[in-house]
Amino acid sequence: MTLQNQDTQAEHRAATIRSACDRDKESIWKILEPVIRLGETYALERDLSREDALRYWFAHGNETFVYESDGRILGTYYLRRNQRGGGGHVANCGYVTAAGSEGRGIARSMCQHSMGRAAEAGFRAMQFNFVISTNERAVKLWEHLGFKVIGRLPGAFQHPGLGFVDALIMYRTLDAVGKKV
């Protein structure tokens, strides 16, 4: 085991994922803002205001969580119903990791947490509606965690540097949550 892996494992033991509260909003905004401004992974207006971004992240029906380590918020995600009515048993989530914290297993931890939380809440599956195909790191992680690409929307996302790129619909059932994926 490398020293970096030991450090990452120690960080995850010291980290907590908890429900977000009002006092977390400034830290969450500091995580969301660079991602929104870059415009490469979320279908949100790049000039979205702080208020509108937080309104979206904390929207009615969302459960919002933070990944906290050593008193610092390094990631955030929301969990919600993907659809209403007959589709209400399928969850949807969005995840963002703080700049500089990539590659430390934070997104993996948040996704695993969200699947457990979704299963506890009675959801039977989870769907990501609009995964940008050029976000290869996320696509690879979601696939490793059992998500399958079930649809491709050709040219559905206008990437600021690459032009029109595909968006993916990714899905997995939650019946195996808690079991080795």
N, C-alpha and C. Protein backbone atom coordinates (compact mmCIF):
# COMPACT_ATOMS: atom_id res chain seq x y z
N MET A 1 0.86 -1.18 0.00
CA MET A 1 0.00 0.00 0.00
C MET A 1 0.89 1.24 0.00
N THR A 2 0.59 2.18 -0.89
CA THR A 2 1.39 3.38 -0.97
C THR A 2 1.02 4.35 0.14
N LEU A 3 1.92 5.28 0.39
CA LEU A 3 1.65 6.30 1.41
C LEU A 3 0.41 7.10 1.05
N GLN A 4 0.22 7.41 -0.25
CA GLN A 4 -0.96 8.15 -0.68
C GLN A 4 -2.23 7.37 -0.38
N ASN A 5 -2.24 6.07 -0.64
CA ASN A 5 -3.41 5.24 -0.33
C ASN A 5 -3.66 5.21 1.17
N GLN A 6 -2.59 5.14 1.97
CA GLN A 6 -2.77 5.15 3.42
C GLN A 6 -3.37 6.47 3.86
N ASP A 7 -2.88 7.58 3.29
CA ASP A 7 -3.43 8.90 3.64
C ASP A 7 -4.90 9.00 3.25
N THR A 8 -5.26 8.50 2.07
CA THR A 8 -6.64 8.54 1.61
C THR A 8 -7.53 7.70 2.51
N GLN A 9 -7.07 6.51 2.89
CA GLN A 9 -7.87 5.67 3.77
C GLN A 9 -8.04 6.32 5.13
N ALA A 10 -7.00 6.94 5.66
CA ALA A 10 -7.11 7.61 6.96
C ALA A 10 -8.08 8.78 6.86
N GLU A 11 -8.05 9.51 5.74
CA GLU A 11 -8.97 10.63 5.56
C GLU A 11 -10.41 10.14 5.55
N HIS A 12 -10.69 9.04 4.85
CA HIS A 12 -12.06 8.53 4.79
C HIS A 12 -12.54 8.05 6.15
N ARG A 13 -11.63 7.53 6.97
CA ARG A 13 -12.04 7.12 8.32
C ARG A 13 -12.41 8.34 9.16
N ALA A 14 -11.74 9.45 8.91
CA ALA A 14 -12.00 10.68 9.68
C ALA A 14 -13.13 11.51 9.07
N ALA A 15 -13.52 11.18 7.86
CA ALA A 15 -14.55 11.96 7.16
C ALA A 15 -15.94 11.51 7.56
N THR A 16 -16.88 12.44 7.42
CA THR A 16 -18.28 12.12 7.63
C THR A 16 -19.08 12.66 6.45
N ILE A 17 -20.16 11.97 6.17
CA ILE A 17 -21.15 12.48 5.22
C ILE A 17 -22.40 12.72 6.04
N ARG A 18 -22.87 13.95 6.00
CA ARG A 18 -24.01 14.33 6.83
C ARG A 18 -24.94 15.23 6.04
N SER A 19 -26.14 15.39 6.57
CA SER A 19 -27.10 16.32 5.96
C SER A 19 -26.53 17.73 5.99
N ALA A 20 -26.72 18.44 4.90
CA ALA A 20 -26.27 19.83 4.83
C ALA A 20 -27.24 20.71 5.59
N CYS A 21 -26.71 21.81 6.10
CA CYS A 21 -27.54 22.79 6.81
C CYS A 21 -27.20 24.19 6.30
N ASP A 22 -27.92 25.17 6.79
CA ASP A 22 -27.72 26.55 6.31
C ASP A 22 -26.28 27.02 6.46
N ARG A 23 -25.62 26.64 7.52
CA ARG A 23 -24.25 27.12 7.73
C ARG A 23 -23.27 26.54 6.70
N ASP A 24 -23.69 25.52 5.95
CA ASP A 24 -22.84 24.90 4.94
C ASP A 24 -22.95 25.59 3.58
N LYS A 25 -23.91 26.47 3.42
CA LYS A 25 -24.20 27.01 2.09
C LYS A 25 -23.01 27.74 1.48
N GLU A 26 -22.25 28.49 2.24
CA GLU A 26 -21.10 29.20 1.66
C GLU A 26 -20.04 28.20 1.18
N SER A 27 -19.79 27.16 1.95
CA SER A 27 -18.83 26.14 1.53
C SER A 27 -19.33 25.40 0.29
N ILE A 28 -20.61 25.11 0.24
CA ILE A 28 -21.19 24.43 -0.93
C ILE A 28 -21.07 25.33 -2.15
N TRP A 29 -21.34 26.62 -2.00
CA TRP A 29 -21.21 27.54 -3.11
C TRP A 29 -19.77 27.57 -3.61
N LYS A 30 -18.80 27.53 -2.72
CA LYS A 30 -17.39 27.53 -3.13
C LYS A 30 -17.03 26.27 -3.93
N ILE A 31 -17.76 25.19 -3.70
CA ILE A 31 -17.56 23.97 -4.48
C ILE A 31 -18.31 24.06 -5.81
N LEU A 32 -19.54 24.54 -5.78
CA LEU A 32 -20.36 24.59 -6.98
C LEU A 32 -19.89 25.64 -7.98
N GLU A 33 -19.49 26.80 -7.49
CA GLU A 33 -19.22 27.91 -8.41
C GLU A 33 -18.20 27.58 -9.49
N PRO A 34 -17.02 27.04 -9.17
CA PRO A 34 -16.07 26.77 -10.26
C PRO A 34 -16.59 25.76 -11.28
N VAL A 35 -17.36 24.79 -10.82
CA VAL A 35 -17.93 23.78 -11.72
C VAL A 35 -18.95 24.42 -12.65
N ILE A 36 -19.80 25.27 -12.08
CA ILE A 36 -20.81 25.96 -12.88
C ILE A 36 -20.13 26.89 -13.89
N ARG A 37 -19.15 27.67 -13.44
CA ARG A 37 -18.48 28.63 -14.32
C ARG A 37 -17.73 27.93 -15.45
N LEU A 38 -17.13 26.78 -15.18
CA LEU A 38 -16.41 26.02 -16.20
C LEU A 38 -17.37 25.49 -17.26
N GLY A 39 -18.55 25.05 -16.82
CA GLY A 39 -19.60 24.64 -17.75
C GLY A 39 -19.36 23.35 -18.50
N GLU A 40 -18.56 22.45 -17.94
CA GLU A 40 -18.21 21.22 -18.65
C GLU A 40 -18.96 19.98 -18.19
N THR A 41 -19.61 20.03 -17.02
CA THR A 41 -20.19 18.80 -16.47
C THR A 41 -21.64 18.93 -16.01
N TYR A 42 -22.17 20.12 -15.88
CA TYR A 42 -23.55 20.31 -15.47
C TYR A 42 -24.26 21.19 -16.49
N ALA A 43 -25.48 20.84 -16.82
CA ALA A 43 -26.29 21.61 -17.76
C ALA A 43 -26.96 22.76 -17.02
N LEU A 44 -26.14 23.65 -16.52
CA LEU A 44 -26.60 24.85 -15.82
C LEU A 44 -25.99 26.06 -16.52
N GLU A 45 -26.68 27.19 -16.45
CA GLU A 45 -26.15 28.41 -17.04
C GLU A 45 -24.83 28.75 -16.34
N ARG A 46 -23.82 29.09 -17.13
CA ARG A 46 -22.49 29.38 -16.56
C ARG A 46 -22.48 30.65 -15.73
N ASP A 47 -23.46 31.52 -15.91
CA ASP A 47 -23.53 32.75 -15.13
C ASP A 47 -24.56 32.66 -14.00
N LEU A 48 -24.95 31.45 -13.65
CA LEU A 48 -25.94 31.24 -12.59
C LEU A 48 -25.49 31.93 -11.30
N SER A 49 -26.41 32.66 -10.68
CA SER A 49 -26.06 33.37 -9.45
C SER A 49 -25.91 32.40 -8.28
N ARG A 50 -25.26 32.87 -7.24
CA ARG A 50 -25.11 32.08 -6.01
C ARG A 50 -26.47 31.66 -5.50
N GLU A 51 -27.41 32.60 -5.44
CA GLU A 51 -28.73 32.33 -4.90
C GLU A 51 -29.45 31.26 -5.72
N ASP A 52 -29.39 31.39 -7.04
CA ASP A 52 -30.06 30.42 -7.90
C ASP A 52 -29.39 29.05 -7.85
N ALA A 53 -28.08 29.03 -7.76
CA ALA A 53 -27.36 27.75 -7.66
C ALA A 53 -27.73 27.03 -6.36
N LEU A 54 -27.75 27.76 -5.27
CA LEU A 54 -28.10 27.13 -3.99
C LEU A 54 -29.58 26.75 -3.96
N ARG A 55 -30.42 27.53 -4.59
CA ARG A 55 -31.84 27.18 -4.69
C ARG A 55 -32.00 25.86 -5.46
N TYR A 56 -31.24 25.69 -6.52
CA TYR A 56 -31.25 24.44 -7.29
C TYR A 56 -30.74 23.27 -6.44
N TRP A 57 -29.62 23.47 -5.75
CA TRP A 57 -28.99 22.38 -4.98
C TRP A 57 -29.85 21.98 -3.78
N PHE A 58 -30.53 22.95 -3.19
CA PHE A 58 -31.38 22.70 -2.01
C PHE A 58 -32.86 22.71 -2.37
N ALA A 59 -33.21 22.45 -3.61
CA ALA A 59 -34.60 22.53 -4.06
C ALA A 59 -35.53 21.67 -3.21
N HIS A 60 -36.78 22.09 -3.14
CA HIS A 60 -37.80 21.32 -2.43
C HIS A 60 -37.80 19.90 -2.97
N GLY A 61 -37.75 18.94 -2.09
CA GLY A 61 -37.70 17.53 -2.49
C GLY A 61 -36.30 16.96 -2.53
N ASN A 62 -35.29 17.82 -2.50
CA ASN A 62 -33.90 17.34 -2.45
C ASN A 62 -33.50 17.09 -1.00
N GLU A 63 -32.76 16.03 -0.78
CA GLU A 63 -32.00 15.85 0.46
C GLU A 63 -30.58 16.21 0.07
N THR A 64 -29.98 17.16 0.76
CA THR A 64 -28.64 17.62 0.41
C THR A 64 -27.67 17.20 1.50
N PHE A 65 -26.51 16.70 1.07
CA PHE A 65 -25.50 16.17 1.98
C PHE A 65 -24.15 16.83 1.69
N VAL A 66 -23.28 16.77 2.68
CA VAL A 66 -21.89 17.22 2.50
C VAL A 66 -20.94 16.13 2.97
N TYR A 67 -19.79 16.09 2.33
CA TYR A 67 -18.68 15.24 2.73
C TYR A 67 -17.72 16.17 3.47
N GLU A 68 -17.48 15.87 4.74
CA GLU A 68 -16.66 16.75 5.57
C GLU A 68 -15.49 15.97 6.14
N SER A 69 -14.31 16.58 6.07
CA SER A 69 -13.10 15.97 6.63
C SER A 69 -12.29 17.06 7.31
N ASP A 70 -11.92 16.82 8.54
CA ASP A 70 -11.13 17.79 9.32
C ASP A 70 -11.77 19.18 9.31
N GLY A 71 -13.10 19.23 9.42
CA GLY A 71 -13.80 20.49 9.49
C GLY A 71 -13.98 21.20 8.15
N ARG A 72 -13.52 20.57 7.06
CA ARG A 72 -13.64 21.18 5.73
C ARG A 72 -14.63 20.38 4.89
N ILE A 73 -15.48 21.08 4.18
CA ILE A 73 -16.42 20.43 3.27
C ILE A 73 -15.71 20.26 1.93
N LEU A 74 -15.56 18.99 1.52
CA LEU A 74 -14.83 18.66 0.31
C LEU A 74 -15.72 18.13 -0.81
N GLY A 75 -17.00 17.96 -0.51
CA GLY A 75 -17.92 17.48 -1.53
C GLY A 75 -19.35 17.66 -1.08
N THR A 76 -20.25 17.59 -2.02
CA THR A 76 -21.67 17.72 -1.72
C THR A 76 -22.47 16.93 -2.75
N TYR A 77 -23.62 16.47 -2.34
CA TYR A 77 -24.54 15.84 -3.29
C TYR A 77 -25.96 16.06 -2.84
N TYR A 78 -26.87 15.93 -3.81
CA TYR A 78 -28.29 15.93 -3.49
C TYR A 78 -28.88 14.61 -3.94
N LEU A 79 -29.96 14.21 -3.27
CA LEU A 79 -30.73 13.01 -3.58
C LEU A 79 -32.18 13.44 -3.71
N ARG A 80 -32.84 12.96 -4.77
CA ARG A 80 -34.24 13.31 -4.99
C ARG A 80 -34.91 12.23 -5.84
N ARG A 81 -36.24 12.33 -5.90
CA ARG A 81 -36.98 11.46 -6.83
C ARG A 81 -36.64 11.90 -8.25
N ASN A 82 -36.44 10.92 -9.12
CA ASN A 82 -36.17 11.26 -10.51
C ASN A 82 -37.44 11.73 -11.21
N GLN A 83 -38.55 11.12 -10.88
CA GLN A 83 -39.84 11.47 -11.46
C GLN A 83 -40.90 11.42 -10.37
N ARG A 84 -42.06 11.91 -10.68
CA ARG A 84 -43.18 11.84 -9.75
C ARG A 84 -44.04 10.63 -10.09
N GLY A 85 -45.07 10.40 -9.31
CA GLY A 85 -46.05 9.36 -9.61
C GLY A 85 -45.43 8.00 -9.78
N GLY A 86 -45.76 7.35 -10.89
CA GLY A 86 -45.30 6.00 -11.15
C GLY A 86 -43.80 5.85 -11.30
N GLY A 87 -43.08 6.95 -11.46
CA GLY A 87 -41.62 6.91 -11.54
C GLY A 87 -40.95 7.31 -10.25
N GLY A 88 -41.74 7.51 -9.20
CA GLY A 88 -41.22 8.02 -7.93
C GLY A 88 -40.34 7.05 -7.17
N HIS A 89 -40.22 5.81 -7.63
CA HIS A 89 -39.38 4.83 -6.94
C HIS A 89 -37.94 4.83 -7.45
N VAL A 90 -37.64 5.73 -8.40
CA VAL A 90 -36.29 5.85 -8.95
C VAL A 90 -35.68 7.14 -8.43
N ALA A 91 -34.49 7.04 -7.85
CA ALA A 91 -33.78 8.20 -7.30
C ALA A 91 -32.92 8.85 -8.37
N ASN A 92 -32.55 10.08 -8.10
CA ASN A 92 -31.62 10.85 -8.92
C ASN A 92 -30.70 11.60 -7.99
N CYS A 93 -29.46 11.77 -8.38
CA CYS A 93 -28.48 12.49 -7.56
C CYS A 93 -27.61 13.37 -8.44
N GLY A 94 -27.00 14.36 -7.81
CA GLY A 94 -25.95 15.16 -8.42
C GLY A 94 -24.83 15.29 -7.41
N TYR A 95 -23.59 15.20 -7.88
CA TYR A 95 -22.42 15.20 -6.99
C TYR A 95 -21.41 16.22 -7.48
N VAL A 96 -20.76 16.90 -6.55
CA VAL A 96 -19.66 17.79 -6.89
C VAL A 96 -18.60 17.67 -5.79
N THR A 97 -17.36 17.55 -6.24
CA THR A 97 -16.21 17.47 -5.34
C THR A 97 -15.44 18.78 -5.43
N ALA A 98 -14.91 19.25 -4.32
CA ALA A 98 -14.16 20.50 -4.29
C ALA A 98 -12.94 20.42 -5.19
N ALA A 99 -12.64 21.54 -5.84
CA ALA A 99 -11.43 21.63 -6.66
C ALA A 99 -10.22 21.27 -5.80
N GLY A 100 -9.34 20.48 -6.36
CA GLY A 100 -8.15 20.05 -5.62
C GLY A 100 -8.35 18.79 -4.81
N SER A 101 -9.59 18.31 -4.73
CA SER A 101 -9.89 17.10 -3.96
C SER A 101 -10.20 15.91 -4.86
N GLU A 102 -10.03 16.09 -6.16
CA GLU A 102 -10.31 15.01 -7.10
C GLU A 102 -9.35 13.84 -6.86
N GLY A 103 -9.82 12.65 -7.18
CA GLY A 103 -8.97 11.47 -7.11
C GLY A 103 -8.72 10.94 -5.71
N ARG A 104 -9.47 11.41 -4.74
CA ARG A 104 -9.28 10.98 -3.35
C ARG A 104 -10.41 10.07 -2.87
N GLY A 105 -11.29 9.67 -3.77
CA GLY A 105 -12.37 8.75 -3.40
C GLY A 105 -13.59 9.43 -2.82
N ILE A 106 -13.65 10.75 -2.88
CA ILE A 106 -14.76 11.49 -2.28
C ILE A 106 -16.05 11.24 -3.06
N ALA A 107 -15.98 11.33 -4.39
CA ALA A 107 -17.17 11.07 -5.21
C ALA A 107 -17.65 9.64 -5.02
N ARG A 108 -16.73 8.70 -4.96
CA ARG A 108 -17.09 7.30 -4.72
C ARG A 108 -17.81 7.16 -3.38
N SER A 109 -17.26 7.77 -2.34
CA SER A 109 -17.89 7.70 -1.01
C SER A 109 -19.28 8.32 -1.02
N MET A 110 -19.41 9.47 -1.70
CA MET A 110 -20.73 10.12 -1.74
C MET A 110 -21.72 9.27 -2.53
N CYS A 111 -21.29 8.67 -3.64
CA CYS A 111 -22.21 7.84 -4.42
C CYS A 111 -22.63 6.61 -3.61
N GLN A 112 -21.68 5.97 -2.95
CA GLN A 112 -22.03 4.80 -2.14
C GLN A 112 -22.99 5.20 -1.02
N HIS A 113 -22.73 6.33 -0.39
CA HIS A 113 -23.62 6.84 0.66
C HIS A 113 -25.01 7.09 0.08
N SER A 114 -25.06 7.73 -1.09
CA SER A 114 -26.36 8.06 -1.68
C SER A 114 -27.15 6.81 -2.04
N MET A 115 -26.47 5.77 -2.51
CA MET A 115 -27.19 4.54 -2.84
C MET A 115 -27.76 3.90 -1.58
N GLY A 116 -26.99 3.91 -0.50
CA GLY A 116 -27.51 3.39 0.76
C GLY A 116 -28.67 4.20 1.27
N ARG A 117 -28.54 5.52 1.22
CA ARG A 117 -29.61 6.41 1.68
C ARG A 117 -30.86 6.24 0.82
N ALA A 118 -30.67 6.11 -0.49
CA ALA A 118 -31.80 5.92 -1.40
C ALA A 118 -32.52 4.61 -1.10
N ALA A 119 -31.75 3.55 -0.89
CA ALA A 119 -32.36 2.25 -0.57
C ALA A 119 -33.13 2.34 0.74
N GLU A 120 -32.55 3.01 1.75
CA GLU A 120 -33.24 3.19 3.04
C GLU A 120 -34.55 3.95 2.86
N ALA A 121 -34.55 4.90 1.93
CA ALA A 121 -35.74 5.72 1.70
C ALA A 121 -36.78 5.02 0.82
N GLY A 122 -36.48 3.79 0.39
CA GLY A 122 -37.44 3.02 -0.38
C GLY A 122 -37.29 3.09 -1.89
N PHE A 123 -36.28 3.79 -2.37
CA PHE A 123 -36.05 3.81 -3.81
C PHE A 123 -35.56 2.44 -4.27
N ARG A 124 -35.98 2.04 -5.45
CA ARG A 124 -35.62 0.74 -6.00
C ARG A 124 -34.50 0.82 -7.02
N ALA A 125 -34.23 2.03 -7.51
CA ALA A 125 -33.20 2.21 -8.53
C ALA A 125 -32.69 3.64 -8.47
N MET A 126 -31.60 3.90 -9.19
CA MET A 126 -31.05 5.24 -9.30
C MET A 126 -30.72 5.50 -10.76
N GLN A 127 -31.04 6.71 -11.21
CA GLN A 127 -30.79 7.09 -12.60
C GLN A 127 -30.12 8.45 -12.64
N PHE A 128 -29.09 8.54 -13.46
CA PHE A 128 -28.45 9.81 -13.77
C PHE A 128 -28.91 10.19 -15.17
N ASN A 129 -29.60 11.30 -15.30
CA ASN A 129 -30.29 11.66 -16.53
C ASN A 129 -29.42 12.29 -17.60
N PHE A 130 -28.29 12.89 -17.21
CA PHE A 130 -27.57 13.73 -18.17
C PHE A 130 -26.09 13.77 -17.80
N VAL A 131 -25.43 12.62 -17.90
CA VAL A 131 -24.00 12.53 -17.62
C VAL A 131 -23.26 12.92 -18.90
N ILE A 132 -22.45 13.93 -18.83
CA ILE A 132 -21.76 14.41 -20.01
C ILE A 132 -20.69 13.38 -20.40
N SER A 133 -20.75 12.91 -21.63
CA SER A 133 -19.90 11.80 -22.08
C SER A 133 -18.41 12.13 -21.96
N THR A 134 -18.05 13.40 -22.05
CA THR A 134 -16.64 13.77 -21.95
C THR A 134 -16.15 13.82 -20.51
N ASN A 135 -17.04 13.65 -19.55
CA ASN A 135 -16.66 13.58 -18.13
C ASN A 135 -16.27 12.12 -17.85
N GLU A 136 -15.18 11.71 -18.48
CA GLU A 136 -14.78 10.30 -18.49
C GLU A 136 -14.52 9.74 -17.10
N ARG A 137 -13.96 10.56 -16.23
CA ARG A 137 -13.68 10.09 -14.87
C ARG A 137 -14.97 9.70 -14.16
N ALA A 138 -16.02 10.52 -14.29
CA ALA A 138 -17.31 10.21 -13.66
C ALA A 138 -17.94 8.99 -14.30
N VAL A 139 -17.94 8.92 -15.64
CA VAL A 139 -18.54 7.78 -16.33
C VAL A 139 -17.88 6.49 -15.86
N LYS A 140 -16.57 6.48 -15.79
CA LYS A 140 -15.84 5.28 -15.34
C LYS A 140 -16.20 4.92 -13.90
N LEU A 141 -16.29 5.92 -13.03
CA LEU A 141 -16.65 5.65 -11.63
C LEU A 141 -18.06 5.09 -11.53
N TRP A 142 -19.01 5.74 -12.21
CA TRP A 142 -20.39 5.26 -12.12
C TRP A 142 -20.49 3.82 -12.65
N GLU A 143 -19.79 3.53 -13.74
CA GLU A 143 -19.81 2.16 -14.26
C GLU A 143 -19.21 1.18 -13.25
N HIS A 144 -18.12 1.57 -12.62
CA HIS A 144 -17.51 0.72 -11.59
C HIS A 144 -18.47 0.46 -10.44
N LEU A 145 -19.33 1.42 -10.15
CA LEU A 145 -20.29 1.27 -9.06
C LEU A 145 -21.60 0.61 -9.51
N GLY A 146 -21.61 0.05 -10.71
CA GLY A 146 -22.73 -0.76 -11.15
C GLY A 146 -23.73 -0.07 -12.06
N PHE A 147 -23.49 1.18 -12.42
CA PHE A 147 -24.39 1.88 -13.33
C PHE A 147 -24.10 1.44 -14.77
N LYS A 148 -25.14 1.35 -15.55
CA LYS A 148 -25.02 1.00 -16.96
C LYS A 148 -25.52 2.19 -17.79
N VAL A 149 -24.89 2.38 -18.93
CA VAL A 149 -25.38 3.38 -19.88
C VAL A 149 -26.59 2.76 -20.57
N ILE A 150 -27.75 3.36 -20.39
CA ILE A 150 -28.97 2.83 -20.99
C ILE A 150 -29.49 3.72 -22.11
N GLY A 151 -28.83 4.85 -22.30
CA GLY A 151 -29.23 5.74 -23.37
C GLY A 151 -28.14 6.74 -23.67
N ARG A 152 -28.11 7.19 -24.90
CA ARG A 152 -27.15 8.20 -25.34
C ARG A 152 -27.93 9.26 -26.10
N LEU A 153 -27.76 10.50 -25.69
CA LEU A 153 -28.42 11.63 -26.33
C LEU A 153 -27.38 12.34 -27.21
N PRO A 154 -27.37 12.06 -28.50
CA PRO A 154 -26.33 12.60 -29.37
C PRO A 154 -26.34 14.13 -29.42
N GLY A 155 -25.18 14.72 -29.13
CA GLY A 155 -25.01 16.16 -29.23
C GLY A 155 -25.91 16.96 -28.32
N ALA A 156 -26.34 16.38 -27.21
CA ALA A 156 -27.32 17.04 -26.34
C ALA A 156 -26.73 18.12 -25.44
N PHE A 157 -25.41 18.15 -25.29
CA PHE A 157 -24.78 19.11 -24.39
C PHE A 157 -23.79 19.96 -25.18
N GLN A 158 -23.90 21.27 -25.01
CA GLN A 158 -22.95 22.16 -25.67
C GLN A 158 -21.79 22.44 -24.72
N HIS A 159 -20.71 21.73 -24.93
CA HIS A 159 -19.50 21.86 -24.12
C HIS A 159 -18.77 23.14 -24.55
N PRO A 160 -18.29 23.93 -23.60
CA PRO A 160 -17.69 25.22 -23.97
C PRO A 160 -16.42 25.09 -24.81
N GLY A 161 -15.73 23.96 -24.74
CA GLY A 161 -14.50 23.81 -25.51
C GLY A 161 -14.59 22.79 -26.62
N LEU A 162 -15.51 21.86 -26.52
CA LEU A 162 -15.58 20.74 -27.47
C LEU A 162 -16.79 20.80 -28.39
N GLY A 163 -17.64 21.77 -28.19
CA GLY A 163 -18.86 21.86 -29.01
C GLY A 163 -19.91 20.89 -28.50
N PHE A 164 -20.74 20.41 -29.40
CA PHE A 164 -21.84 19.54 -29.02
C PHE A 164 -21.33 18.12 -28.77
N VAL A 165 -21.56 17.64 -27.55
CA VAL A 165 -21.13 16.29 -27.16
C VAL A 165 -22.34 15.53 -26.64
N ASP A 166 -22.20 14.22 -26.55
CA ASP A 166 -23.30 13.37 -26.10
C ASP A 166 -23.51 13.47 -24.60
N ALA A 167 -24.73 13.24 -24.19
CA ALA A 167 -25.08 13.07 -22.78
C ALA A 167 -25.56 11.63 -22.61
N LEU A 168 -25.23 11.04 -21.48
CA LEU A 168 -25.58 9.65 -21.21
C LEU A 168 -26.65 9.56 -20.14
N ILE A 169 -27.51 8.57 -20.27
CA ILE A 169 -28.45 8.21 -19.21
C ILE A 169 -27.88 6.95 -18.58
N MET A 170 -27.65 7.00 -17.28
CA MET A 170 -27.05 5.86 -16.57
C MET A 170 -28.01 5.40 -15.48
N TYR A 171 -28.05 4.08 -15.25
CA TYR A 171 -29.08 3.50 -14.39
C TYR A 171 -28.53 2.27 -13.68
N ARG A 172 -28.99 2.06 -12.47
CA ARG A 172 -28.74 0.81 -11.77
C ARG A 172 -29.85 0.57 -10.76
N THR A 173 -30.12 -0.70 -10.49
CA THR A 173 -31.07 -1.03 -9.44
C THR A 173 -30.33 -0.95 -8.11
N LEU A 174 -31.10 -0.85 -7.04
CA LEU A 174 -30.50 -0.73 -5.71
C LEU A 174 -30.66 -2.01 -4.90
N ASP A 175 -31.08 -3.10 -5.53
CA ASP A 175 -31.26 -4.34 -4.81
C ASP A 175 -29.95 -4.92 -4.29
N ALA A 176 -28.83 -4.54 -4.90
CA ALA A 176 -27.53 -5.07 -4.47
C ALA A 176 -26.79 -4.12 -3.54
N VAL A 177 -27.42 -3.01 -3.15
CA VAL A 177 -26.74 -2.06 -2.28
C VAL A 177 -26.41 -2.74 -0.97
N GLY A 178 -25.18 -2.54 -0.54
CA GLY A 178 -24.71 -3.20 0.68
C GLY A 178 -24.00 -4.50 0.37
N LYS A 179 -24.21 -5.01 -0.84
CA LYS A 179 -23.48 -6.18 -1.30
C LYS A 179 -22.33 -5.70 -2.17
N LYS A 180 -21.34 -6.52 -2.37
CA LYS A 180 -20.21 -6.14 -3.21
C LYS A 180 -20.71 -5.92 -4.62
N VAL A 181 -20.36 -4.75 -5.17
CA VAL A 181 -20.78 -4.38 -6.53
C VAL A 181 -19.73 -4.85 -7.50
